[in-house]
Amino acid sequence: MACKPDQDQNDLIQSSSTPSDNPNGDSIEVALSDRNDLPFENSENDTDTLRYLALGDSYTIGESVAPGERWPNQLVEKINSEQDNVHLSSAQIIAQTGWTTANLSNAMDQQNVDSQQYDLVSLLIGVNNQYQNQPLSLYQAEFPALLQRAIDLVGGDASKVFVVSIPDYGYTPFGSGNQANISSSLAQFNAACLEMTTAAGLAHYNITPISQQYPGTSGLVAADGLHPSGYQYQLWVSSFWENVLDQLQ
């Protein structure tokens, strides 16, 4: 999630590793795709199959949960299982624990992602800007460019892009000792995220209140004491999957 990695985050790692026992550690798995084929190669021949790209950080890669519990994968499964009119291919993911807006942008450059076209793109980024004490003004300067790149990836159709708000890690065992300060700071980042997303004409799904249900709701935090559990990601998806389906139709 939100810690300084042991290595340069601007270097896109092409391997997997086992999550660290340290709740705030960055033993990182980078997922460019949950399929075994090339990152941006569409292996499904059905022309009606829609391509989905998820951009983000530890919350999108699903630090400390199984691949099937990552929220982009749960979203694909939910949409595909609930109706017959739309079929999404396996989520293609560019995300890594510890990434800021700048790190994500650099990774997209390295993967030449802008040469691709998708039918749906999601974006969730910003917690590490906050955690690393970067100024809000820097996030406000860098986030709009990511929004525009996401729009370009769907051929300029802003209705095919959505942004997910930043969860509040103050409501975790790791953050509980500094909950008020963490929540206050993240509220500023989320307000800026909403403002910039709305200005760009994009859908914004606010999952932050779900993350703030800890500890009142059990099972919301992964075993590392910091990141959301697969169950919490399920609650996220339940809150917005029908809206995403509307975007695709």
Protein backbone atom coordinates (compact mmCIF):
# COMPACT_ATOMS: atom_id res chain seq x y z
CA MET A 1 0.00 0.00 0.00
CA ALA A 2 1.73 3.01 1.26
CA CYS A 3 5.33 2.56 2.13
CA LYS A 4 8.68 3.28 0.66
CA PRO A 5 9.78 0.24 -1.34
CA ASP A 6 13.19 -1.32 -1.02
CA GLN A 7 13.82 -0.67 -4.67
CA ASP A 8 13.23 2.07 -7.18
CA GLN A 9 9.54 2.00 -7.97
CA ASN A 10 10.26 3.52 -11.35
CA ASP A 11 11.69 0.15 -12.36
CA LEU A 12 8.87 -2.11 -13.47
CA ILE A 13 9.61 -5.54 -12.04
CA GLN A 14 8.70 -8.46 -14.26
CA SER A 15 8.52 -11.08 -11.51
CA SER A 16 6.46 -12.13 -8.52
CA SER A 17 7.41 -12.41 -4.88
CA THR A 18 5.80 -13.59 -1.68
CA PRO A 19 4.22 -10.82 0.44
CA SER A 20 6.33 -9.69 3.38
CA ASP A 21 5.40 -10.54 6.94
CA ASN A 22 5.82 -6.85 7.74
CA PRO A 23 2.35 -5.27 7.51
CA ASN A 24 3.84 -2.21 5.88
CA GLY A 25 6.39 -4.01 3.77
CA ASP A 26 6.64 -3.91 0.03
CA SER A 27 7.41 -7.42 -1.07
CA ILE A 28 5.71 -6.80 -4.36
CA GLU A 29 3.90 -8.70 -7.04
CA VAL A 30 3.43 -6.82 -10.26
CA ALA A 31 0.50 -7.99 -12.34
CA LEU A 32 0.37 -6.81 -15.90
CA SER A 33 -2.22 -9.45 -16.58
CA ASP A 34 -3.86 -12.31 -14.77
CA ARG A 35 -3.53 -14.41 -17.90
CA ASN A 36 -0.47 -16.27 -19.05
CA ASP A 37 -0.30 -14.53 -22.40
CA LEU A 38 1.43 -11.26 -23.20
CA PRO A 39 0.29 -8.24 -21.16
CA PHE A 40 -1.75 -6.55 -23.84
CA GLU A 41 -2.52 -9.42 -26.14
CA ASN A 42 -6.20 -10.26 -26.38
CA SER A 43 -6.32 -14.03 -26.21
CA GLU A 44 -10.07 -14.24 -26.59
CA ASN A 45 -11.21 -14.45 -30.19
CA ASP A 46 -14.82 -13.45 -29.57
CA THR A 47 -15.20 -9.99 -31.05
CA ASP A 48 -17.93 -9.28 -28.48
CA THR A 49 -15.49 -9.76 -25.62
CA LEU A 50 -14.57 -6.44 -24.03
CA ARG A 51 -11.06 -5.58 -22.87
CA TYR A 52 -10.62 -4.16 -19.38
CA LEU A 53 -7.51 -2.46 -17.99
CA ALA A 54 -7.13 -1.71 -14.27
CA LEU A 55 -4.53 0.89 -13.26
CA GLY A 56 -3.39 1.47 -9.70
CA ASP A 57 -1.26 0.49 -6.72
CA SER A 58 -1.48 -2.14 -3.96
CA TYR A 59 -5.25 -1.82 -3.80
CA THR A 60 -5.57 -2.86 -7.44
CA ILE A 61 -2.92 -5.57 -7.38
CA GLY A 62 -4.55 -6.84 -4.19
CA GLU A 63 -1.59 -6.95 -1.84
CA SER A 64 -1.97 -9.86 0.61
CA VAL A 65 -4.99 -11.45 -1.09
CA ALA A 66 -5.24 -14.23 -3.66
CA PRO A 67 -5.46 -13.19 -7.34
CA GLY A 68 -9.10 -14.18 -7.51
CA GLU A 69 -9.88 -11.81 -4.64
CA ARG A 70 -8.47 -8.71 -6.33
CA TRP A 71 -11.33 -6.33 -6.91
CA PRO A 72 -10.81 -6.01 -10.70
CA ASN A 73 -11.04 -9.80 -11.00
CA GLN A 74 -14.11 -9.89 -8.78
CA LEU A 75 -15.67 -7.18 -10.93
CA VAL A 76 -15.12 -9.18 -14.11
CA GLU A 77 -16.53 -12.32 -12.51
CA LYS A 78 -19.57 -10.46 -11.17
CA ILE A 79 -20.45 -8.78 -14.46
CA ASN A 80 -19.94 -11.93 -16.50
CA SER A 81 -22.00 -14.06 -14.13
CA GLU A 82 -24.94 -11.71 -13.71
CA GLN A 83 -25.99 -11.14 -17.32
CA ASP A 84 -25.46 -12.34 -20.89
CA ASN A 85 -25.28 -9.07 -22.83
CA VAL A 86 -21.74 -8.08 -21.89
CA HIS A 87 -18.65 -10.24 -21.55
CA LEU A 88 -15.40 -8.93 -20.13
CA SER A 89 -12.08 -10.61 -20.75
CA SER A 90 -9.77 -11.27 -17.81
CA ALA A 91 -8.70 -8.02 -16.20
CA GLN A 92 -5.37 -6.71 -17.40
CA ILE A 93 -3.65 -5.01 -14.49
CA ILE A 94 -0.86 -2.48 -14.23
CA ALA A 95 -0.35 -1.98 -10.51
CA GLN A 96 2.30 -2.35 -7.85
CA THR A 97 2.45 -1.88 -4.12
CA GLY A 98 3.95 1.49 -3.24
CA TRP A 99 3.24 3.26 -6.52
CA THR A 100 2.45 6.96 -6.61
CA THR A 101 0.88 8.78 -9.54
CA ALA A 102 4.35 9.34 -11.01
CA ASN A 103 5.31 5.67 -10.63
CA LEU A 104 2.14 4.54 -12.38
CA SER A 105 2.71 6.97 -15.23
CA ASN A 106 6.29 5.74 -15.64
CA ALA A 107 5.14 2.12 -15.71
CA MET A 108 2.57 2.93 -18.38
CA ASP A 109 5.33 4.51 -20.43
CA GLN A 110 7.57 1.48 -20.04
CA GLN A 111 4.77 -0.85 -21.12
CA ASN A 112 3.84 1.36 -24.08
CA VAL A 113 0.26 1.09 -22.92
CA ASP A 114 -0.88 4.17 -24.83
CA SER A 115 -0.60 2.23 -28.09
CA GLN A 116 -3.39 -0.09 -26.93
CA GLN A 117 -7.16 0.25 -27.01
CA TYR A 118 -9.60 -0.93 -24.35
CA ASP A 119 -13.33 -0.99 -23.76
CA LEU A 120 -13.08 -0.18 -20.04
CA VAL A 121 -10.39 1.40 -17.88
CA SER A 122 -10.35 1.91 -14.12
CA LEU A 123 -8.01 4.06 -12.04
CA LEU A 124 -7.29 3.97 -8.30
CA ILE A 125 -4.14 5.85 -7.23
CA GLY A 126 -3.02 8.36 -4.64
CA VAL A 127 -2.61 6.68 -1.27
CA ASN A 128 1.17 6.53 -1.63
CA ASN A 129 1.36 10.20 -2.56
CA GLN A 130 -0.29 10.83 0.78
CA TYR A 131 1.70 8.26 2.75
CA GLN A 132 5.02 9.54 1.41
CA ASN A 133 4.04 13.06 2.51
CA GLN A 134 4.05 14.39 -1.01
CA PRO A 135 2.15 17.66 -1.29
CA LEU A 136 -1.45 17.53 -2.37
CA SER A 137 -0.55 20.04 -5.07
CA LEU A 138 1.70 17.44 -6.73
CA TYR A 139 -1.15 14.93 -6.83
CA GLN A 140 -3.37 17.63 -8.29
CA ALA A 141 -0.76 18.28 -10.96
CA GLU A 142 -0.17 14.63 -11.91
CA PHE A 143 -3.59 12.98 -11.56
CA PRO A 144 -5.33 14.80 -14.45
CA ALA A 145 -2.75 13.47 -16.90
CA LEU A 146 -3.55 9.92 -15.80
CA LEU A 147 -7.25 10.63 -16.25
CA GLN A 148 -6.63 11.84 -19.78
CA ARG A 149 -4.49 8.83 -20.62
CA ALA A 150 -7.27 6.57 -19.37
CA ILE A 151 -9.74 8.38 -21.62
CA ASP A 152 -7.41 8.04 -24.58
CA LEU A 153 -7.11 4.30 -23.94
CA VAL A 154 -10.85 3.91 -24.60
CA GLY A 155 -10.74 5.96 -27.79
CA GLY A 156 -11.76 9.21 -26.12
CA ASP A 157 -15.05 7.88 -24.74
CA ALA A 158 -15.08 9.17 -21.14
CA SER A 159 -18.13 7.03 -20.34
CA LYS A 160 -15.90 3.94 -20.44
CA VAL A 161 -13.59 5.08 -17.63
CA PHE A 162 -14.19 5.05 -13.90
CA VAL A 163 -12.22 6.12 -10.85
CA VAL A 164 -12.34 4.44 -7.45
CA SER A 165 -11.76 6.53 -4.34
CA ILE A 166 -8.83 5.93 -1.99
CA PRO A 167 -9.67 3.66 0.96
CA ASP A 168 -8.89 4.92 4.44
CA TYR A 169 -6.04 2.90 5.94
CA GLY A 170 -6.52 4.78 9.21
CA TYR A 171 -9.22 2.17 9.81
CA THR A 172 -6.81 -0.76 9.97
CA PRO A 173 -4.69 -2.26 12.75
CA PHE A 174 -1.68 -0.59 11.17
CA GLY A 175 -3.23 2.86 11.05
CA SER A 176 -5.39 2.81 14.15
CA GLY A 177 -2.82 4.59 16.31
CA ASN A 178 -2.89 7.60 14.01
CA GLN A 179 -6.38 7.24 12.60
CA ALA A 180 -7.55 10.84 12.92
CA ASN A 181 -4.54 12.31 11.11
CA ILE A 182 -4.54 9.66 8.39
CA SER A 183 -8.26 10.06 7.76
CA SER A 184 -8.04 13.86 7.67
CA SER A 185 -5.18 13.80 5.18
CA LEU A 186 -6.80 11.19 2.95
CA ALA A 187 -10.04 13.17 2.98
CA GLN A 188 -8.18 16.01 1.28
CA PHE A 189 -6.77 13.68 -1.36
CA ASN A 190 -10.15 12.11 -1.95
CA ALA A 191 -11.82 15.50 -2.27
CA ALA A 192 -9.25 16.47 -4.87
CA CYS A 193 -9.70 13.13 -6.64
CA LEU A 194 -13.45 13.62 -6.83
CA GLU A 195 -13.12 17.18 -8.07
CA MET A 196 -10.65 16.28 -10.83
CA THR A 197 -12.58 13.17 -11.83
CA THR A 198 -15.83 15.08 -12.09
CA ALA A 199 -14.14 17.86 -14.06
CA ALA A 200 -12.94 15.26 -16.55
CA GLY A 201 -16.49 13.93 -16.95
CA LEU A 202 -15.70 10.51 -15.48
CA ALA A 203 -17.59 8.20 -13.16
CA HIS A 204 -16.36 8.18 -9.57
CA TYR A 205 -17.17 5.38 -7.12
CA ASN A 206 -16.72 6.21 -3.45
CA ILE A 207 -15.67 3.09 -1.56
CA THR A 208 -13.98 4.99 1.28
CA PRO A 209 -16.93 4.61 3.69
CA ILE A 210 -16.73 0.84 3.27
CA SER A 211 -13.08 0.87 4.35
CA GLN A 212 -14.05 2.93 7.40
CA GLN A 213 -16.36 0.20 8.73
CA TYR A 214 -13.40 -1.46 10.48
CA PRO A 215 -13.41 -2.60 13.26
CA GLY A 216 -17.18 -2.58 13.52
CA THR A 217 -17.47 -4.99 10.60
CA SER A 218 -15.30 -8.08 10.88
CA GLY A 219 -13.19 -9.50 8.08
CA LEU A 220 -12.44 -6.23 6.29
CA VAL A 221 -8.64 -6.28 6.63
CA ALA A 222 -6.15 -8.74 5.14
CA ALA A 223 -3.80 -10.77 7.30
CA ASP A 224 -1.07 -8.13 6.94
CA GLY A 225 -3.11 -5.74 9.09
CA LEU A 226 -3.02 -3.01 6.47
CA HIS A 227 -4.64 -3.84 3.16
CA PRO A 228 -8.27 -4.69 2.38
CA SER A 229 -9.33 -8.32 2.50
CA GLY A 230 -10.97 -10.13 -0.36
CA TYR A 231 -14.24 -9.67 1.50
CA GLN A 232 -13.81 -5.91 1.58
CA TYR A 233 -13.04 -5.91 -2.14
CA GLN A 234 -16.25 -7.90 -2.63
CA LEU A 235 -18.15 -5.13 -0.84
CA TRP A 236 -16.53 -2.56 -3.13
CA VAL A 237 -17.60 -4.46 -6.22
CA SER A 238 -21.11 -4.97 -4.89
CA SER A 239 -21.43 -1.20 -4.45
CA PHE A 240 -20.64 -0.27 -8.04
CA TRP A 241 -20.71 -3.21 -10.44
CA GLU A 242 -24.18 -2.36 -11.76
CA ASN A 243 -23.00 1.17 -12.54
CA VAL A 244 -20.01 -0.25 -14.42
CA LEU A 245 -22.34 -2.54 -16.34
CA ASP A 246 -24.38 0.51 -17.36
CA GLN A 247 -21.19 2.14 -18.60
CA LEU A 248 -20.56 -0.82 -20.87
CA GLN A 249 -24.02 -0.92 -22.43
